[in-house]
Amino acid sequence: MSPPRPFIDPATGEIDSAQILSEAVPLAKLVGVFVAGSLPFYAIAFFGAENSALGALLALLGDFILAVGAGIALMYVIAHGIRLAGE
């Protein structure tokens, strides 16, 4: 017998919205942490140091934080996908 498919209610065969929500909320919080971490750098670059080397450096730092956050979010999704496939 094959294992049950993730996000599908085995009793009805329909999409299990409770499971989708329980997986989406932690992912949204993880993404929110990195967005909130990059916002101060973008705000200073945009409002305080618009056309200077400092502004460019701060914008690059904000980009770096978002890139690292995207990588961590991707690893989170892959790890949870593997865990869900094993259940």
PDB file of N, CA and C in Angstrom:
ATOM      1  N   MET A   1       0.845  -1.175   0.000  1.00  0.00           N
ATOM      2  CA  MET A   1       0.000   0.000   0.000  1.00  0.00           C
ATOM      3  C   MET A   1       0.890   1.238   0.000  1.00  0.00           C
ATOM      4  N   SER A   2       0.545   2.200  -0.812  1.00  0.00           N
ATOM      5  CA  SER A   2       1.354   3.421  -0.900  1.00  0.00           C
ATOM      6  C   SER A   2       1.045   4.340   0.277  1.00  0.00           C
ATOM      7  N   PRO A   3       2.044   5.150   0.672  1.00  0.00           N
ATOM      8  CA  PRO A   3       1.807   6.071   1.796  1.00  0.00           C
ATOM      9  C   PRO A   3       0.825   7.168   1.382  1.00  0.00           C
ATOM     10  N   PRO A   4       0.132   7.752   2.352  1.00  0.00           N
ATOM     11  CA  PRO A   4      -0.830   8.818   2.017  1.00  0.00           C
ATOM     12  C   PRO A   4      -0.112  10.039   1.447  1.00  0.00           C
ATOM     13  N   ARG A   5      -0.754  10.709   0.525  1.00  0.00           N
ATOM     14  CA  ARG A   5      -0.170  11.883  -0.107  1.00  0.00           C
ATOM     15  C   ARG A   5      -0.288  13.074   0.838  1.00  0.00           C
ATOM     16  N   PRO A   6       0.769  13.905   0.899  1.00  0.00           N
ATOM     17  CA  PRO A   6       0.707  15.090   1.763  1.00  0.00           C
ATOM     18  C   PRO A   6      -0.365  16.072   1.273  1.00  0.00           C
ATOM     19  N   PHE A   7      -0.981  16.727   2.210  1.00  0.00           N
ATOM     20  CA  PHE A   7      -1.983  17.766   1.960  1.00  0.00           C
ATOM     21  C   PHE A   7      -3.288  17.240   1.360  1.00  0.00           C
ATOM     22  N   ILE A   8      -3.462  15.944   1.357  1.00  0.00           N
ATOM     23  CA  ILE A   8      -4.705  15.343   0.890  1.00  0.00           C
ATOM     24  C   ILE A   8      -5.320  14.575   2.059  1.00  0.00           C
ATOM     25  N   ASP A   9      -6.576  14.859   2.366  1.00  0.00           N
ATOM     26  CA  ASP A   9      -7.277  14.152   3.441  1.00  0.00           C
ATOM     27  C   ASP A   9      -7.561  12.725   2.972  1.00  0.00           C
ATOM     28  N   PRO A  10      -7.013  11.719   3.659  1.00  0.00           N
ATOM     29  CA  PRO A  10      -7.194  10.342   3.191  1.00  0.00           C
ATOM     30  C   PRO A  10      -8.652   9.867   3.247  1.00  0.00           C
ATOM     31  N   ALA A  11      -9.444  10.446   4.128  1.00  0.00           N
ATOM     32  CA  ALA A  11     -10.834   9.998   4.256  1.00  0.00           C
ATOM     33  C   ALA A  11     -11.687  10.472   3.081  1.00  0.00           C
ATOM     34  N   THR A  12     -11.501  11.726   2.675  1.00  0.00           N
ATOM     35  CA  THR A  12     -12.360  12.284   1.627  1.00  0.00           C
ATOM     36  C   THR A  12     -11.667  12.417   0.280  1.00  0.00           C
ATOM     37  N   GLY A  13     -10.340  12.462   0.273  1.00  0.00           N
ATOM     38  CA  GLY A  13      -9.602  12.655  -0.981  1.00  0.00           C
ATOM     39  C   GLY A  13      -9.514  14.112  -1.399  1.00  0.00           C
ATOM     40  N   GLU A  14      -9.979  15.018  -0.539  1.00  0.00           N
ATOM     41  CA  GLU A  14      -9.927  16.441  -0.850  1.00  0.00           C
ATOM     42  C   GLU A  14      -8.699  17.080  -0.208  1.00  0.00           C
ATOM     43  N   ILE A  15      -8.436  18.307  -0.579  1.00  0.00           N
ATOM     44  CA  ILE A  15      -7.290  19.036  -0.040  1.00  0.00           C
ATOM     45  C   ILE A  15      -7.516  19.312   1.442  1.00  0.00           C
ATOM     46  N   ASP A  16      -6.494  19.055   2.248  1.00  0.00           N
ATOM     47  CA  ASP A  16      -6.548  19.252   3.697  1.00  0.00           C
ATOM     48  C   ASP A  16      -6.031  20.666   4.009  1.00  0.00           C
ATOM     49  N   SER A  17      -6.949  21.607   4.100  1.00  0.00           N
ATOM     50  CA  SER A  17      -6.552  23.004   4.299  1.00  0.00           C
ATOM     51  C   SER A  17      -5.935  23.246   5.669  1.00  0.00           C
ATOM     52  N   ALA A  18      -6.284  22.460   6.659  1.00  0.00           N
ATOM     53  CA  ALA A  18      -5.686  22.620   7.991  1.00  0.00           C
ATOM     54  C   ALA A  18      -4.207  22.261   7.960  1.00  0.00           C
ATOM     55  N   GLN A  19      -3.848  21.214   7.251  1.00  0.00           N
ATOM     56  CA  GLN A  19      -2.445  20.835   7.142  1.00  0.00           C
ATOM     57  C   GLN A  19      -1.662  21.869   6.325  1.00  0.00           C
ATOM     58  N   ILE A  20      -2.267  22.385   5.277  1.00  0.00           N
ATOM     59  CA  ILE A  20      -1.615  23.420   4.471  1.00  0.00           C
ATOM     60  C   ILE A  20      -1.339  24.646   5.325  1.00  0.00           C
ATOM     61  N   LEU A  21      -2.319  25.047   6.114  1.00  0.00           N
ATOM     62  CA  LEU A  21      -2.145  26.209   6.982  1.00  0.00           C
ATOM     63  C   LEU A  21      -1.095  25.950   8.056  1.00  0.00           C
ATOM     64  N   SER A  22      -1.085  24.745   8.597  1.00  0.00           N
ATOM     65  CA  SER A  22      -0.098  24.436   9.641  1.00  0.00           C
ATOM     66  C   SER A  22       1.324  24.409   9.086  1.00  0.00           C
ATOM     67  N   GLU A  23       1.497  24.182   7.810  1.00  0.00           N
ATOM     68  CA  GLU A  23       2.823  24.226   7.195  1.00  0.00           C
ATOM     69  C   GLU A  23       3.152  25.624   6.665  1.00  0.00           C
ATOM     70  N   ALA A  24       2.156  26.387   6.275  1.00  0.00           N
ATOM     71  CA  ALA A  24       2.400  27.699   5.678  1.00  0.00           C
ATOM     72  C   ALA A  24       2.725  28.772   6.720  1.00  0.00           C
ATOM     73  N   VAL A  25       2.145  28.690   7.883  1.00  0.00           N
ATOM     74  CA  VAL A  25       2.348  29.718   8.907  1.00  0.00           C
ATOM     75  C   VAL A  25       3.808  29.781   9.378  1.00  0.00           C
ATOM     76  N   PRO A  26       4.442  28.657   9.718  1.00  0.00           N
ATOM     77  CA  PRO A  26       5.860  28.753  10.114  1.00  0.00           C
ATOM     78  C   PRO A  26       6.759  29.257   8.982  1.00  0.00           C
ATOM     79  N   LEU A  27       6.444  28.866   7.749  1.00  0.00           N
ATOM     80  CA  LEU A  27       7.232  29.345   6.613  1.00  0.00           C
ATOM     81  C   LEU A  27       7.068  30.853   6.441  1.00  0.00           C
ATOM     82  N   ALA A  28       5.858  31.352   6.598  1.00  0.00           N
ATOM     83  CA  ALA A  28       5.624  32.793   6.499  1.00  0.00           C
ATOM     84  C   ALA A  28       6.344  33.549   7.608  1.00  0.00           C
ATOM     85  N   LYS A  29       6.372  32.976   8.799  1.00  0.00           N
ATOM     86  CA  LYS A  29       7.102  33.617   9.894  1.00  0.00           C
ATOM     87  C   LYS A  29       8.597  33.645   9.616  1.00  0.00           C
ATOM     88  N   LEU A  30       9.127  32.574   9.047  1.00  0.00           N
ATOM     89  CA  LEU A  30      10.545  32.523   8.707  1.00  0.00           C
ATOM     90  C   LEU A  30      10.902  33.568   7.656  1.00  0.00           C
ATOM     91  N   VAL A  31      10.082  33.679   6.637  1.00  0.00           N
ATOM     92  CA  VAL A  31      10.314  34.694   5.604  1.00  0.00           C
ATOM     93  C   VAL A  31      10.181  36.089   6.205  1.00  0.00           C
ATOM     94  N   GLY A  32       9.208  36.285   7.077  1.00  0.00           N
ATOM     95  CA  GLY A  32       9.007  37.578   7.721  1.00  0.00           C
ATOM     96  C   GLY A  32      10.191  38.030   8.554  1.00  0.00           C
ATOM     97  N   VAL A  33      10.871  37.082   9.190  1.00  0.00           N
ATOM     98  CA  VAL A  33      12.051  37.423   9.990  1.00  0.00           C
ATOM     99  C   VAL A  33      13.126  38.041   9.104  1.00  0.00           C
ATOM    100  N   PHE A  34      13.364  37.450   7.952  1.00  0.00           N
ATOM    101  CA  PHE A  34      14.413  37.966   7.083  1.00  0.00           C
ATOM    102  C   PHE A  34      14.007  39.264   6.383  1.00  0.00           C
ATOM    103  N   VAL A  35      12.735  39.397   6.059  1.00  0.00           N
ATOM    104  CA  VAL A  35      12.262  40.660   5.476  1.00  0.00           C
ATOM    105  C   VAL A  35      12.384  41.780   6.503  1.00  0.00           C
ATOM    106  N   ALA A  36      11.984  41.493   7.739  1.00  0.00           N
ATOM    107  CA  ALA A  36      12.094  42.507   8.797  1.00  0.00           C
ATOM    108  C   ALA A  36      13.551  42.840   9.084  1.00  0.00           C
ATOM    109  N   GLY A  37      14.432  41.873   8.953  1.00  0.00           N
ATOM    110  CA  GLY A  37      15.847  42.124   9.175  1.00  0.00           C
ATOM    111  C   GLY A  37      16.480  42.974   8.093  1.00  0.00           C
ATOM    112  N   SER A  38      15.962  42.906   6.888  1.00  0.00           N
ATOM    113  CA  SER A  38      16.532  43.689   5.797  1.00  0.00           C
ATOM    114  C   SER A  38      15.910  45.083   5.679  1.00  0.00           C
ATOM    115  N   LEU A  39      14.732  45.284   6.215  1.00  0.00           N
ATOM    116  CA  LEU A  39      14.047  46.577   6.076  1.00  0.00           C
ATOM    117  C   LEU A  39      14.821  47.763   6.655  1.00  0.00           C
ATOM    118  N   PRO A  40      15.450  47.657   7.822  1.00  0.00           N
ATOM    119  CA  PRO A  40      16.191  48.827   8.316  1.00  0.00           C
ATOM    120  C   PRO A  40      17.310  49.270   7.376  1.00  0.00           C
ATOM    121  N   PHE A  41      17.991  48.311   6.757  1.00  0.00           N
ATOM    122  CA  PHE A  41      19.066  48.660   5.834  1.00  0.00           C
ATOM    123  C   PHE A  41      18.524  49.361   4.595  1.00  0.00           C
ATOM    124  N   TYR A  42      17.405  48.868   4.075  1.00  0.00           N
ATOM    125  CA  TYR A  42      16.786  49.528   2.923  1.00  0.00           C
ATOM    126  C   TYR A  42      16.247  50.903   3.294  1.00  0.00           C
ATOM    127  N   ALA A  43      15.674  51.034   4.477  1.00  0.00           N
ATOM    128  CA  ALA A  43      15.130  52.328   4.904  1.00  0.00           C
ATOM    129  C   ALA A  43      16.235  53.365   5.039  1.00  0.00           C
ATOM    130  N   ILE A  44      17.349  52.981   5.649  1.00  0.00           N
ATOM    131  CA  ILE A  44      18.468  53.921   5.787  1.00  0.00           C
ATOM    132  C   ILE A  44      19.039  54.260   4.418  1.00  0.00           C
ATOM    133  N   ALA A  45      19.162  53.266   3.560  1.00  0.00           N
ATOM    134  CA  ALA A  45      19.704  53.507   2.222  1.00  0.00           C
ATOM    135  C   ALA A  45      18.777  54.413   1.414  1.00  0.00           C
ATOM    136  N   PHE A  46      17.476  54.238   1.564  1.00  0.00           N
ATOM    137  CA  PHE A  46      16.525  55.017   0.763  1.00  0.00           C
ATOM    138  C   PHE A  46      16.315  56.416   1.319  1.00  0.00           C
ATOM    139  N   PHE A  47      16.179  56.527   2.633  1.00  0.00           N
ATOM    140  CA  PHE A  47      15.849  57.827   3.216  1.00  0.00           C
ATOM    141  C   PHE A  47      17.062  58.614   3.695  1.00  0.00           C
ATOM    142  N   GLY A  48      18.132  57.935   4.085  1.00  0.00           N
ATOM    143  CA  GLY A  48      19.251  58.646   4.682  1.00  0.00           C
ATOM    144  C   GLY A  48      20.446  58.833   3.782  1.00  0.00           C
ATOM    145  N   ALA A  49      20.766  57.836   2.986  1.00  0.00           N
ATOM    146  CA  ALA A  49      21.979  57.887   2.180  1.00  0.00           C
ATOM    147  C   ALA A  49      21.648  57.519   0.742  1.00  0.00           C
ATOM    148  N   GLU A  50      20.801  58.325   0.118  1.00  0.00           N
ATOM    149  CA  GLU A  50      20.246  57.971  -1.183  1.00  0.00           C
ATOM    150  C   GLU A  50      21.306  57.746  -2.266  1.00  0.00           C
ATOM    151  N   ASN A  51      22.130  58.740  -2.519  1.00  0.00           N
ATOM    152  CA  ASN A  51      23.066  58.649  -3.638  1.00  0.00           C
ATOM    153  C   ASN A  51      24.502  58.635  -3.154  1.00  0.00           C
ATOM    154  N   SER A  52      24.801  57.758  -2.230  1.00  0.00           N
ATOM    155  CA  SER A  52      26.157  57.699  -1.715  1.00  0.00           C
ATOM    156  C   SER A  52      26.641  56.252  -1.710  1.00  0.00           C
ATOM    157  N   ALA A  53      27.912  56.097  -1.453  1.00  0.00           N
ATOM    158  CA  ALA A  53      28.480  54.751  -1.372  1.00  0.00           C
ATOM    159  C   ALA A  53      27.912  54.005  -0.168  1.00  0.00           C
ATOM    160  N   LEU A  54      27.633  54.728   0.901  1.00  0.00           N
ATOM    161  CA  LEU A  54      27.037  54.097   2.074  1.00  0.00           C
ATOM    162  C   LEU A  54      25.656  53.545   1.743  1.00  0.00           C
ATOM    163  N   GLY A  55      24.880  54.299   0.990  1.00  0.00           N
ATOM    164  CA  GLY A  55      23.556  53.827   0.584  1.00  0.00           C
ATOM    165  C   GLY A  55      23.635  52.572  -0.269  1.00  0.00           C
ATOM    166  N   ALA A  56      24.602  52.536  -1.179  1.00  0.00           N
ATOM    167  CA  ALA A  56      24.774  51.348  -2.014  1.00  0.00           C
ATOM    168  C   ALA A  56      25.208  50.154  -1.169  1.00  0.00           C
ATOM    169  N   LEU A  57      26.099  50.393  -0.216  1.00  0.00           N
ATOM    170  CA  LEU A  57      26.563  49.326   0.659  1.00  0.00           C
ATOM    171  C   LEU A  57      25.421  48.787   1.525  1.00  0.00           C
ATOM    172  N   LEU A  58      24.593  49.680   2.043  1.00  0.00           N
ATOM    173  CA  LEU A  58      23.459  49.243   2.859  1.00  0.00           C
ATOM    174  C   LEU A  58      22.434  48.471   2.024  1.00  0.00           C
ATOM    175  N   ALA A  59      22.220  48.909   0.789  1.00  0.00           N
ATOM    176  CA  ALA A  59      21.305  48.176  -0.086  1.00  0.00           C
ATOM    177  C   ALA A  59      21.850  46.789  -0.402  1.00  0.00           C
ATOM    178  N   LEU A  60      23.156  46.679  -0.615  1.00  0.00           N
ATOM    179  CA  LEU A  60      23.760  45.368  -0.842  1.00  0.00           C
ATOM    180  C   LEU A  60      23.644  44.481   0.388  1.00  0.00           C
ATOM    181  N   LEU A  61      23.778  45.066   1.559  1.00  0.00           N
ATOM    182  CA  LEU A  61      23.625  44.301   2.795  1.00  0.00           C
ATOM    183  C   LEU A  61      22.189  43.800   2.945  1.00  0.00           C
ATOM    184  N   GLY A  62      21.224  44.636   2.603  1.00  0.00           N
ATOM    185  CA  GLY A  62      19.827  44.200   2.617  1.00  0.00           C
ATOM    186  C   GLY A  62      19.573  43.085   1.619  1.00  0.00           C
ATOM    187  N   ASP A  63      20.183  43.188   0.427  1.00  0.00           N
ATOM    188  CA  ASP A  63      20.064  42.124  -0.564  1.00  0.00           C
ATOM    189  C   ASP A  63      20.678  40.818  -0.058  1.00  0.00           C
ATOM    190  N   PHE A  64      21.823  40.933   0.615  1.00  0.00           N
ATOM    191  CA  PHE A  64      22.484  39.742   1.149  1.00  0.00           C
ATOM    192  C   PHE A  64      21.610  39.054   2.188  1.00  0.00           C
ATOM    193  N   ILE A  65      20.998  39.824   3.064  1.00  0.00           N
ATOM    194  CA  ILE A  65      20.113  39.248   4.082  1.00  0.00           C
ATOM    195  C   ILE A  65      18.931  38.533   3.427  1.00  0.00           C
ATOM    196  N   LEU A  66      18.367  39.140   2.388  1.00  0.00           N
ATOM    197  CA  LEU A  66      17.250  38.496   1.696  1.00  0.00           C
ATOM    198  C   LEU A  66      17.699  37.235   0.962  1.00  0.00           C
ATOM    199  N   ALA A  67      18.896  37.242   0.387  1.00  0.00           N
ATOM    200  CA  ALA A  67      19.395  36.054  -0.313  1.00  0.00           C
ATOM    201  C   ALA A  67      19.641  34.905   0.665  1.00  0.00           C
ATOM    202  N   VAL A  68      20.235  35.219   1.807  1.00  0.00           N
ATOM    203  CA  VAL A  68      20.445  34.183   2.826  1.00  0.00           C
ATOM    204  C   VAL A  68      19.097  33.670   3.327  1.00  0.00           C
ATOM    205  N   GLY A  69      18.158  34.556   3.529  1.00  0.00           N
ATOM    206  CA  GLY A  69      16.824  34.148   3.972  1.00  0.00           C
ATOM    207  C   GLY A  69      16.132  33.262   2.956  1.00  0.00           C
ATOM    208  N   ALA A  70      16.297  33.562   1.668  1.00  0.00           N
ATOM    209  CA  ALA A  70      15.697  32.720   0.628  1.00  0.00           C
ATOM    210  C   ALA A  70      16.312  31.325   0.654  1.00  0.00           C
ATOM    211  N   GLY A  71      17.616  31.249   0.864  1.00  0.00           N
ATOM    212  CA  GLY A  71      18.280  29.949   0.940  1.00  0.00           C
ATOM    213  C   GLY A  71      17.814  29.144   2.136  1.00  0.00           C
ATOM    214  N   ILE A  72      17.691  29.796   3.269  1.00  0.00           N
ATOM    215  CA  ILE A  72      17.235  29.095   4.480  1.00  0.00           C
ATOM    216  C   ILE A  72      15.781  28.658   4.329  1.00  0.00           C
ATOM    217  N   ALA A  73      14.952  29.508   3.738  1.00  0.00           N
ATOM    218  CA  ALA A  73      13.553  29.126   3.514  1.00  0.00           C
ATOM    219  C   ALA A  73      13.461  27.941   2.556  1.00  0.00           C
ATOM    220  N   LEU A  74      14.317  27.925   1.546  1.00  0.00           N
ATOM    221  CA  LEU A  74      14.318  26.798   0.613  1.00  0.00           C
ATOM    222  C   LEU A  74      14.742  25.507   1.309  1.00  0.00           C
ATOM    223  N   MET A  75      15.764  25.590   2.156  1.00  0.00           N
ATOM    224  CA  MET A  75      16.179  24.401   2.908  1.00  0.00           C
ATOM    225  C   MET A  75      15.068  23.927   3.843  1.00  0.00           C
ATOM    226  N   TYR A  76      14.339  24.861   4.447  1.00  0.00           N
ATOM    227  CA  TYR A  76      13.218  24.524   5.323  1.00  0.00           C
ATOM    228  C   TYR A  76      12.138  23.773   4.540  1.00  0.00           C
ATOM    229  N   VAL A  77      11.826  24.278   3.359  1.00  0.00           N
ATOM    230  CA  VAL A  77      10.788  23.650   2.543  1.00  0.00           C
ATOM    231  C   VAL A  77      11.216  22.250   2.114  1.00  0.00           C
ATOM    232  N   ILE A  78      12.466  22.095   1.704  1.00  0.00           N
ATOM    233  CA  ILE A  78      12.955  20.783   1.287  1.00  0.00           C
ATOM    234  C   ILE A  78      12.939  19.799   2.452  1.00  0.00           C
ATOM    235  N   ALA A  79      13.406  20.244   3.619  1.00  0.00           N
ATOM    236  CA  ALA A  79      13.425  19.356   4.787  1.00  0.00           C
ATOM    237  C   ALA A  79      12.017  18.922   5.186  1.00  0.00           C
ATOM    238  N   HIS A  80      11.078  19.850   5.147  1.00  0.00           N
ATOM    239  CA  HIS A  80       9.706  19.484   5.511  1.00  0.00           C
ATOM    240  C   HIS A  80       9.059  18.632   4.429  1.00  0.00           C
ATOM    241  N   GLY A  81       9.430  18.847   3.181  1.00  0.00           N
ATOM    242  CA  GLY A  81       8.922  17.993   2.113  1.00  0.00           C
ATOM    243  C   GLY A  81       9.386  16.567   2.265  1.00  0.00           C
ATOM    244  N   ILE A  82      10.659  16.407   2.640  1.00  0.00           N
ATOM    245  CA  ILE A  82      11.192  15.063   2.876  1.00  0.00           C
ATOM    246  C   ILE A  82      10.490  14.419   4.067  1.00  0.00           C
ATOM    247  N   ARG A  83      10.269  15.215   5.128  1.00  0.00           N
ATOM    248  CA  ARG A  83       9.588  14.675   6.304  1.00  0.00           C
ATOM    249  C   ARG A  83       8.152  14.273   5.975  1.00  0.00           C
ATOM    250  N   LEU A  84       7.451  15.098   5.195  1.00  0.00           N
ATOM    251  CA  LEU A  84       6.071  14.769   4.841  1.00  0.00           C
ATOM    252  C   LEU A  84       5.997  13.552   3.917  1.00  0.00           C
ATOM    253  N   ALA A  85       6.980  13.399   3.055  1.00  0.00           N
ATOM    254  CA  ALA A  85       6.974  12.236   2.154  1.00  0.00           C
ATOM    255  C   ALA A  85       7.233  10.950   2.930  1.00  0.00           C
ATOM    256  N   GLY A  86       7.942  11.055   4.058  1.00  0.00           N
ATOM    257  CA  GLY A  86       8.229   9.881   4.868  1.00  0.00           C
ATOM    258  C   GLY A  86       7.088   9.467   5.779  1.00  0.00           C
ATOM    259  N   GLU A  87       6.147  10.354   6.018  1.00  0.00           N
ATOM    260  CA  GLU A  87       5.034  10.038   6.931  1.00  0.00           C
ATOM    261  C   GLU A  87       3.983   9.187   6.279  1.00  0.00           C
TER     262      GLU A  87
END
